[in-house]
Amino acid sequence: RLGWYRRSGMYVANFALNPQILGRKTKGRP
């Protein structure tokens, strides 16, 4: 029930959406 900003700062979201994942090029986006 936390706000979106606090929820995205939880360690699960941080690890799952880490710099390597965000930096990975996919078919849908750079």
PDB file of all heavy atoms in Angstrom:
ATOM      1  N   ARG A   1       0.815  -1.211   0.000  1.00  0.00           N
ATOM      2  CA  ARG A   1       0.000   0.000   0.000  1.00  0.00           C
ATOM      3  C   ARG A   1       0.853   1.267   0.000  1.00  0.00           C
ATOM      4  O   ARG A   1       0.320   2.377   0.056  1.00  0.00           O
ATOM      5  CB  ARG A   1      -0.927   0.003   1.207  1.00  0.00           C
ATOM      6  CG  ARG A   1      -1.996  -1.093   1.151  1.00  0.00           C
ATOM      7  CD  ARG A   1      -3.000  -0.928   2.248  1.00  0.00           C
ATOM      8  NE  ARG A   1      -4.074  -1.915   2.183  1.00  0.00           N
ATOM      9  CZ  ARG A   1      -5.118  -1.950   2.996  1.00  0.00           C
ATOM     10  NH1 ARG A   1      -5.233  -1.024   3.954  1.00  0.00           N
ATOM     11  NH2 ARG A   1      -6.042  -2.886   2.871  1.00  0.00           N
ATOM     12  N   LEU A   2       2.163   1.067  -0.051  1.00  0.00           N
ATOM     13  CA  LEU A   2       3.054   2.214  -0.128  1.00  0.00           C
ATOM     14  C   LEU A   2       2.870   2.935  -1.462  1.00  0.00           C
ATOM     15  O   LEU A   2       2.407   2.355  -2.448  1.00  0.00           O
ATOM     16  CB  LEU A   2       4.517   1.776   0.018  1.00  0.00           C
ATOM     17  CG  LEU A   2       4.934   1.186   1.365  1.00  0.00           C
ATOM     18  CD1 LEU A   2       6.359   0.657   1.288  1.00  0.00           C
ATOM     19  CD2 LEU A   2       4.821   2.234   2.479  1.00  0.00           C
ATOM     20  N   GLY A   3       3.275   4.208  -1.519  1.00  0.00           N
ATOM     21  CA  GLY A   3       3.228   4.936  -2.776  1.00  0.00           C
ATOM     22  C   GLY A   3       4.202   4.358  -3.789  1.00  0.00           C
ATOM     23  O   GLY A   3       5.101   3.585  -3.444  1.00  0.00           O
ATOM     24  N   TRP A   4       4.014   4.753  -5.042  1.00  0.00           N
ATOM     25  CA  TRP A   4       4.832   4.180  -6.115  1.00  0.00           C
ATOM     26  C   TRP A   4       6.317   4.459  -5.915  1.00  0.00           C
ATOM     27  O   TRP A   4       7.160   3.590  -6.191  1.00  0.00           O
ATOM     28  CB  TRP A   4       4.378   4.728  -7.467  1.00  0.00           C
ATOM     29  CG  TRP A   4       3.022   4.266  -7.887  1.00  0.00           C
ATOM     30  CD1 TRP A   4       1.874   4.998  -7.905  1.00  0.00           C
ATOM     31  CD2 TRP A   4       2.676   2.959  -8.323  1.00  0.00           C
ATOM     32  NE1 TRP A   4       0.820   4.236  -8.330  1.00  0.00           N
ATOM     33  CE2 TRP A   4       1.295   2.962  -8.601  1.00  0.00           C
ATOM     34  CE3 TRP A   4       3.385   1.773  -8.510  1.00  0.00           C
ATOM     35  CZ2 TRP A   4       0.606   1.858  -9.062  1.00  0.00           C
ATOM     36  CZ3 TRP A   4       2.711   0.655  -8.970  1.00  0.00           C
ATOM     37  CH2 TRP A   4       1.337   0.701  -9.238  1.00  0.00           C
ATOM     38  N   TYR A   5       6.674   5.627  -5.454  1.00  0.00           N
ATOM     39  CA  TYR A   5       8.086   5.970  -5.283  1.00  0.00           C
ATOM     40  C   TYR A   5       8.739   5.105  -4.212  1.00  0.00           C
ATOM     41  O   TYR A   5       9.840   4.578  -4.422  1.00  0.00           O
ATOM     42  CB  TYR A   5       8.232   7.456  -4.934  1.00  0.00           C
ATOM     43  CG  TYR A   5       9.641   7.973  -5.089  1.00  0.00           C
ATOM     44  CD1 TYR A   5      10.124   8.400  -6.326  1.00  0.00           C
ATOM     45  CD2 TYR A   5      10.507   8.045  -4.001  1.00  0.00           C
ATOM     46  CE1 TYR A   5      11.418   8.874  -6.472  1.00  0.00           C
ATOM     47  CE2 TYR A   5      11.793   8.525  -4.142  1.00  0.00           C
ATOM     48  CZ  TYR A   5      12.248   8.933  -5.379  1.00  0.00           C
ATOM     49  OH  TYR A   5      13.544   9.399  -5.528  1.00  0.00           O
ATOM     50  N   ARG A   6       8.073   4.959  -3.059  1.00  0.00           N
ATOM     51  CA  ARG A   6       8.618   4.135  -1.989  1.00  0.00           C
ATOM     52  C   ARG A   6       8.636   2.660  -2.368  1.00  0.00           C
ATOM     53  O   ARG A   6       9.568   1.927  -2.034  1.00  0.00           O
ATOM     54  CB  ARG A   6       7.825   4.354  -0.700  1.00  0.00           C
ATOM     55  CG  ARG A   6       7.989   5.746  -0.106  1.00  0.00           C
ATOM     56  CD  ARG A   6       7.203   5.903   1.175  1.00  0.00           C
ATOM     57  NE  ARG A   6       7.713   5.040   2.227  1.00  0.00           N
ATOM     58  CZ  ARG A   6       7.133   4.911   3.434  1.00  0.00           C
ATOM     59  NH1 ARG A   6       6.011   5.589   3.707  1.00  0.00           N
ATOM     60  NH2 ARG A   6       7.645   4.099   4.342  1.00  0.00           N
ATOM     61  N   ARG A   7       7.608   2.235  -3.094  1.00  0.00           N
ATOM     62  CA  ARG A   7       7.547   0.826  -3.508  1.00  0.00           C
ATOM     63  C   ARG A   7       8.690   0.478  -4.476  1.00  0.00           C
ATOM     64  O   ARG A   7       9.289  -0.586  -4.403  1.00  0.00           O
ATOM     65  CB  ARG A   7       6.203   0.542  -4.186  1.00  0.00           C
ATOM     66  CG  ARG A   7       5.904  -0.957  -4.294  1.00  0.00           C
ATOM     67  CD  ARG A   7       4.689  -1.240  -5.119  1.00  0.00           C
ATOM     68  NE  ARG A   7       3.481  -0.541  -4.677  1.00  0.00           N
ATOM     69  CZ  ARG A   7       2.269  -0.818  -5.154  1.00  0.00           C
ATOM     70  NH1 ARG A   7       2.120  -1.740  -6.110  1.00  0.00           N
ATOM     71  NH2 ARG A   7       1.228  -0.163  -4.702  1.00  0.00           N
ATOM     72  N   SER A   8       8.989   1.409  -5.380  1.00  0.00           N
ATOM     73  CA  SER A   8      10.059   1.152  -6.352  1.00  0.00           C
ATOM     74  C   SER A   8      11.440   1.190  -5.714  1.00  0.00           C
ATOM     75  O   SER A   8      12.414   0.762  -6.323  1.00  0.00           O
ATOM     76  CB  SER A   8       9.992   2.177  -7.485  1.00  0.00           C
ATOM     77  OG  SER A   8      10.255   3.475  -7.009  1.00  0.00           O
ATOM     78  N   GLY A   9      11.520   1.702  -4.479  1.00  0.00           N
ATOM     79  CA  GLY A   9      12.789   1.723  -3.760  1.00  0.00           C
ATOM     80  C   GLY A   9      13.019   0.515  -2.880  1.00  0.00           C
ATOM     81  O   GLY A   9      14.083   0.389  -2.276  1.00  0.00           O
ATOM     82  N   MET A  10      12.031  -0.395  -2.800  1.00  0.00           N
ATOM     83  CA  MET A  10      12.191  -1.614  -2.015  1.00  0.00           C
ATOM     84  C   MET A  10      13.242  -2.506  -2.676  1.00  0.00           C
ATOM     85  O   MET A  10      13.421  -2.489  -3.897  1.00  0.00           O
ATOM     86  CB  MET A  10      10.856  -2.330  -1.894  1.00  0.00           C
ATOM     87  CG  MET A  10       9.798  -1.504  -1.146  1.00  0.00           C
ATOM     88  SD  MET A  10       8.124  -2.200  -1.195  1.00  0.00           S
ATOM     89  CE  MET A  10       8.314  -3.581  -0.066  1.00  0.00           C
ATOM     90  N   TYR A  11      13.972  -3.259  -1.858  1.00  0.00           N
ATOM     91  CA  TYR A  11      15.136  -3.973  -2.374  1.00  0.00           C
ATOM     92  C   TYR A  11      14.775  -4.989  -3.466  1.00  0.00           C
ATOM     93  O   TYR A  11      15.584  -5.277  -4.342  1.00  0.00           O
ATOM     94  CB  TYR A  11      15.900  -4.645  -1.234  1.00  0.00           C
ATOM     95  CG  TYR A  11      15.209  -5.815  -0.580  1.00  0.00           C
ATOM     96  CD1 TYR A  11      15.453  -7.113  -0.987  1.00  0.00           C
ATOM     97  CD2 TYR A  11      14.327  -5.617   0.479  1.00  0.00           C
ATOM     98  CE1 TYR A  11      14.829  -8.195  -0.376  1.00  0.00           C
ATOM     99  CE2 TYR A  11      13.689  -6.686   1.086  1.00  0.00           C
ATOM    100  CZ  TYR A  11      13.949  -7.968   0.656  1.00  0.00           C
ATOM    101  OH  TYR A  11      13.323  -9.035   1.262  1.00  0.00           O
ATOM    102  N   VAL A  12      13.555  -5.546  -3.445  1.00  0.00           N
ATOM    103  CA  VAL A  12      13.156  -6.491  -4.488  1.00  0.00           C
ATOM    104  C   VAL A  12      13.114  -5.790  -5.853  1.00  0.00           C
ATOM    105  O   VAL A  12      13.651  -6.287  -6.838  1.00  0.00           O
ATOM    106  CB  VAL A  12      11.786  -7.119  -4.170  1.00  0.00           C
ATOM    107  CG1 VAL A  12      11.283  -7.944  -5.364  1.00  0.00           C
ATOM    108  CG2 VAL A  12      11.868  -7.992  -2.926  1.00  0.00           C
ATOM    109  N   ALA A  13      12.465  -4.639  -5.894  1.00  0.00           N
ATOM    110  CA  ALA A  13      12.399  -3.874  -7.142  1.00  0.00           C
ATOM    111  C   ALA A  13      13.781  -3.408  -7.580  1.00  0.00           C
ATOM    112  O   ALA A  13      14.107  -3.419  -8.769  1.00  0.00           O
ATOM    113  CB  ALA A  13      11.457  -2.681  -6.970  1.00  0.00           C
ATOM    114  N   ASN A  14      14.632  -3.005  -6.611  1.00  0.00           N
ATOM    115  CA  ASN A  14      15.983  -2.555  -6.932  1.00  0.00           C
ATOM    116  C   ASN A  14      16.817  -3.658  -7.574  1.00  0.00           C
ATOM    117  O   ASN A  14      17.551  -3.415  -8.536  1.00  0.00           O
ATOM    118  CB  ASN A  14      16.691  -2.060  -5.674  1.00  0.00           C
ATOM    119  CG  ASN A  14      16.406  -0.601  -5.398  1.00  0.00           C
ATOM    120  OD1 ASN A  14      16.274   0.193  -6.314  1.00  0.00           O
ATOM    121  ND2 ASN A  14      16.323  -0.235  -4.141  1.00  0.00           N
ATOM    122  N   PHE A  15      16.731  -4.856  -7.024  1.00  0.00           N
ATOM    123  CA  PHE A  15      17.510  -5.967  -7.549  1.00  0.00           C
ATOM    124  C   PHE A  15      16.952  -6.491  -8.868  1.00  0.00           C
ATOM    125  O   PHE A  15      17.705  -6.826  -9.777  1.00  0.00           O
ATOM    126  CB  PHE A  15      17.589  -7.097  -6.527  1.00  0.00           C
ATOM    127  CG  PHE A  15      18.699  -6.924  -5.534  1.00  0.00           C
ATOM    128  CD1 PHE A  15      18.505  -6.195  -4.380  1.00  0.00           C
ATOM    129  CD2 PHE A  15      19.951  -7.488  -5.761  1.00  0.00           C
ATOM    130  CE1 PHE A  15      19.521  -6.012  -3.469  1.00  0.00           C
ATOM    131  CE2 PHE A  15      20.979  -7.312  -4.852  1.00  0.00           C
ATOM    132  CZ  PHE A  15      20.767  -6.560  -3.697  1.00  0.00           C
ATOM    133  N   ALA A  16      15.620  -6.588  -8.956  1.00  0.00           N
ATOM    134  CA  ALA A  16      15.006  -7.129 -10.177  1.00  0.00           C
ATOM    135  C   ALA A  16      15.161  -6.172 -11.357  1.00  0.00           C
ATOM    136  O   ALA A  16      15.412  -6.598 -12.484  1.00  0.00           O
ATOM    137  CB  ALA A  16      13.534  -7.433  -9.924  1.00  0.00           C
ATOM    138  N   LEU A  17      14.987  -4.878 -11.092  1.00  0.00           N
ATOM    139  CA  LEU A  17      15.158  -3.867 -12.127  1.00  0.00           C
ATOM    140  C   LEU A  17      16.494  -3.151 -11.912  1.00  0.00           C
ATOM    141  O   LEU A  17      16.571  -1.937 -11.742  1.00  0.00           O
ATOM    142  CB  LEU A  17      13.993  -2.874 -12.095  1.00  0.00           C
ATOM    143  CG  LEU A  17      12.626  -3.448 -12.470  1.00  0.00           C
ATOM    144  CD1 LEU A  17      11.507  -2.476 -12.116  1.00  0.00           C
ATOM    145  CD2 LEU A  17      12.579  -3.783 -13.959  1.00  0.00           C
ATOM    146  N   ASN A  18      17.568  -3.925 -11.945  1.00  0.00           N
ATOM    147  CA  ASN A  18      18.897  -3.389 -11.681  1.00  0.00           C
ATOM    148  C   ASN A  18      19.467  -2.709 -12.926  1.00  0.00           C
ATOM    149  O   ASN A  18      18.889  -2.791 -14.016  1.00  0.00           O
ATOM    150  CB  ASN A  18      19.827  -4.502 -11.179  1.00  0.00           C
ATOM    151  CG  ASN A  18      19.944  -5.639 -12.181  1.00  0.00           C
ATOM    152  OD1 ASN A  18      20.233  -5.431 -13.358  1.00  0.00           O
ATOM    153  ND2 ASN A  18      19.725  -6.859 -11.717  1.00  0.00           N
ATOM    154  N   PRO A  19      20.629  -2.030 -12.812  1.00  0.00           N
ATOM    155  CA  PRO A  19      21.196  -1.336 -13.976  1.00  0.00           C
ATOM    156  C   PRO A  19      21.426  -2.227 -15.189  1.00  0.00           C
ATOM    157  O   PRO A  19      21.275  -1.787 -16.333  1.00  0.00           O
ATOM    158  CB  PRO A  19      22.518  -0.779 -13.430  1.00  0.00           C
ATOM    159  CG  PRO A  19      22.282  -0.624 -11.963  1.00  0.00           C
ATOM    160  CD  PRO A  19      21.372  -1.740 -11.581  1.00  0.00           C
ATOM    161  N   GLN A  20      21.797  -3.491 -14.953  1.00  0.00           N
ATOM    162  CA  GLN A  20      22.046  -4.403 -16.061  1.00  0.00           C
ATOM    163  C   GLN A  20      20.753  -4.728 -16.808  1.00  0.00           C
ATOM    164  O   GLN A  20      20.730  -4.766 -18.052  1.00  0.00           O
ATOM    165  CB  GLN A  20      22.687  -5.709 -15.553  1.00  0.00           C
ATOM    166  CG  GLN A  20      24.130  -5.551 -15.102  1.00  0.00           C
ATOM    167  CD  GLN A  20      24.266  -4.792 -13.786  1.00  0.00           C
ATOM    168  OE1 GLN A  20      23.417  -4.929 -12.888  1.00  0.00           O
ATOM    169  NE2 GLN A  20      25.297  -3.969 -13.673  1.00  0.00           N
ATOM    170  N   ILE A  21      19.661  -4.960 -16.068  1.00  0.00           N
ATOM    171  CA  ILE A  21      18.370  -5.239 -16.687  1.00  0.00           C
ATOM    172  C   ILE A  21      17.851  -4.019 -17.436  1.00  0.00           C
ATOM    173  O   ILE A  21      17.397  -4.114 -18.583  1.00  0.00           O
ATOM    174  CB  ILE A  21      17.340  -5.702 -15.635  1.00  0.00           C
ATOM    175  CG1 ILE A  21      17.718  -7.090 -15.097  1.00  0.00           C
ATOM    176  CG2 ILE A  21      15.933  -5.732 -16.219  1.00  0.00           C
ATOM    177  CD1 ILE A  21      17.662  -8.193 -16.137  1.00  0.00           C
ATOM    178  N   LEU A  22      17.917  -2.850 -16.809  1.00  0.00           N
ATOM    179  CA  LEU A  22      17.458  -1.630 -17.460  1.00  0.00           C
ATOM    180  C   LEU A  22      18.322  -1.286 -18.673  1.00  0.00           C
ATOM    181  O   LEU A  22      17.838  -0.696 -19.640  1.00  0.00           O
ATOM    182  CB  LEU A  22      17.470  -0.462 -16.470  1.00  0.00           C
ATOM    183  CG  LEU A  22      16.488  -0.547 -15.298  1.00  0.00           C
ATOM    184  CD1 LEU A  22      16.694   0.622 -14.344  1.00  0.00           C
ATOM    185  CD2 LEU A  22      15.049  -0.578 -15.785  1.00  0.00           C
ATOM    186  N   GLY A  23      19.596  -1.643 -18.602  1.00  0.00           N
ATOM    187  CA  GLY A  23      20.503  -1.347 -19.704  1.00  0.00           C
ATOM    188  C   GLY A  23      20.483  -2.369 -20.828  1.00  0.00           C
ATOM    189  O   GLY A  23      21.159  -2.189 -21.847  1.00  0.00           O
ATOM    190  N   ARG A  24      19.692  -3.442 -20.647  1.00  0.00           N
ATOM    191  CA  ARG A  24      19.628  -4.495 -21.644  1.00  0.00           C
ATOM    192  C   ARG A  24      18.719  -4.085 -22.803  1.00  0.00           C
ATOM    193  O   ARG A  24      17.587  -3.657 -22.611  1.00  0.00           O
ATOM    194  CB  ARG A  24      19.117  -5.793 -21.014  1.00  0.00           C
ATOM    195  CG  ARG A  24      19.165  -6.999 -21.927  1.00  0.00           C
ATOM    196  CD  ARG A  24      18.683  -8.235 -21.205  1.00  0.00           C
ATOM    197  NE  ARG A  24      19.567  -8.605 -20.106  1.00  0.00           N
ATOM    198  CZ  ARG A  24      19.326  -9.622 -19.274  1.00  0.00           C
ATOM    199  NH1 ARG A  24      18.214 -10.347 -19.413  1.00  0.00           N
ATOM    200  NH2 ARG A  24      20.184  -9.907 -18.316  1.00  0.00           N
ATOM    201  N   LYS A  25      19.216  -4.208 -24.007  1.00  0.00           N
ATOM    202  CA  LYS A  25      18.434  -3.875 -25.202  1.00  0.00           C
ATOM    203  C   LYS A  25      17.476  -5.011 -25.515  1.00  0.00           C
ATOM    204  O   LYS A  25      17.841  -6.173 -25.527  1.00  0.00           O
ATOM    205  CB  LYS A  25      19.363  -3.635 -26.387  1.00  0.00           C
ATOM    206  CG  LYS A  25      18.659  -3.197 -27.665  1.00  0.00           C
ATOM    207  CD  LYS A  25      19.665  -2.945 -28.766  1.00  0.00           C
ATOM    208  CE  LYS A  25      18.965  -2.507 -30.053  1.00  0.00           C
ATOM    209  NZ  LYS A  25      19.952  -2.265 -31.147  1.00  0.00           N
ATOM    210  N   THR A  26      16.213  -4.677 -25.741  1.00  0.00           N
ATOM    211  CA  THR A  26      15.209  -5.661 -26.123  1.00  0.00           C
ATOM    212  C   THR A  26      14.627  -5.293 -27.480  1.00  0.00           C
ATOM    213  O   THR A  26      14.953  -4.249 -28.050  1.00  0.00           O
ATOM    214  CB  THR A  26      14.084  -5.723 -25.079  1.00  0.00           C
ATOM    215  OG1 THR A  26      13.338  -4.486 -25.115  1.00  0.00           O
ATOM    216  CG2 THR A  26      14.646  -5.919 -23.676  1.00  0.00           C
ATOM    217  N   LYS A  27      13.751  -6.136 -27.973  1.00  0.00           N
ATOM    218  CA  LYS A  27      13.104  -5.852 -29.256  1.00  0.00           C
ATOM    219  C   LYS A  27      12.205  -4.615 -29.179  1.00  0.00           C
ATOM    220  O   LYS A  27      12.027  -3.902 -30.156  1.00  0.00           O
ATOM    221  CB  LYS A  27      12.275  -7.066 -29.697  1.00  0.00           C
ATOM    222  CG  LYS A  27      13.102  -8.284 -30.067  1.00  0.00           C
ATOM    223  CD  LYS A  27      12.222  -9.421 -30.530  1.00  0.00           C
ATOM    224  CE  LYS A  27      13.056 -10.641 -30.905  1.00  0.00           C
ATOM    225  NZ  LYS A  27      12.196 -11.788 -31.347  1.00  0.00           N
ATOM    226  N   GLY A  28      11.678  -4.399 -27.990  1.00  0.00           N
ATOM    227  CA  GLY A  28      10.737  -3.294 -27.849  1.00  0.00           C
ATOM    228  C   GLY A  28      11.350  -1.951 -27.517  1.00  0.00           C
ATOM    229  O   GLY A  28      10.722  -0.913 -27.715  1.00  0.00           O
ATOM    230  N   ARG A  29      12.592  -1.937 -27.008  1.00  0.00           N
ATOM    231  CA  ARG A  29      13.189  -0.680 -26.582  1.00  0.00           C
ATOM    232  C   ARG A  29      14.697  -0.785 -26.515  1.00  0.00           C
ATOM    233  O   ARG A  29      15.246  -1.886 -26.414  1.00  0.00           O
ATOM    234  CB  ARG A  29      12.648  -0.275 -25.208  1.00  0.00           C
ATOM    235  CG  ARG A  29      12.968  -1.274 -24.125  1.00  0.00           C
ATOM    236  CD  ARG A  29      12.753  -0.729 -22.743  1.00  0.00           C
ATOM    237  NE  ARG A  29      12.959  -1.704 -21.700  1.00  0.00           N
ATOM    238  CZ  ARG A  29      14.145  -2.144 -21.264  1.00  0.00           C
ATOM    239  NH1 ARG A  29      15.254  -1.670 -21.826  1.00  0.00           N
ATOM    240  NH2 ARG A  29      14.238  -3.021 -20.289  1.00  0.00           N
ATOM    241  N   PRO A  30      15.411   0.363 -26.533  1.00  0.00           N
ATOM    242  CA  PRO A  30      16.858   0.346 -26.306  1.00  0.00           C
ATOM    243  C   PRO A  30      17.150   0.207 -24.821  1.00  0.00           C
ATOM    244  O   PRO A  30      16.266   0.372 -23.978  1.00  0.00           O
ATOM    245  CB  PRO A  30      17.299   1.720 -26.824  1.00  0.00           C
ATOM    246  CG  PRO A  30      16.100   2.600 -26.599  1.00  0.00           C
ATOM    247  CD  PRO A  30      14.904   1.718 -26.832  1.00  0.00           C
TER     248      PRO A  30
END
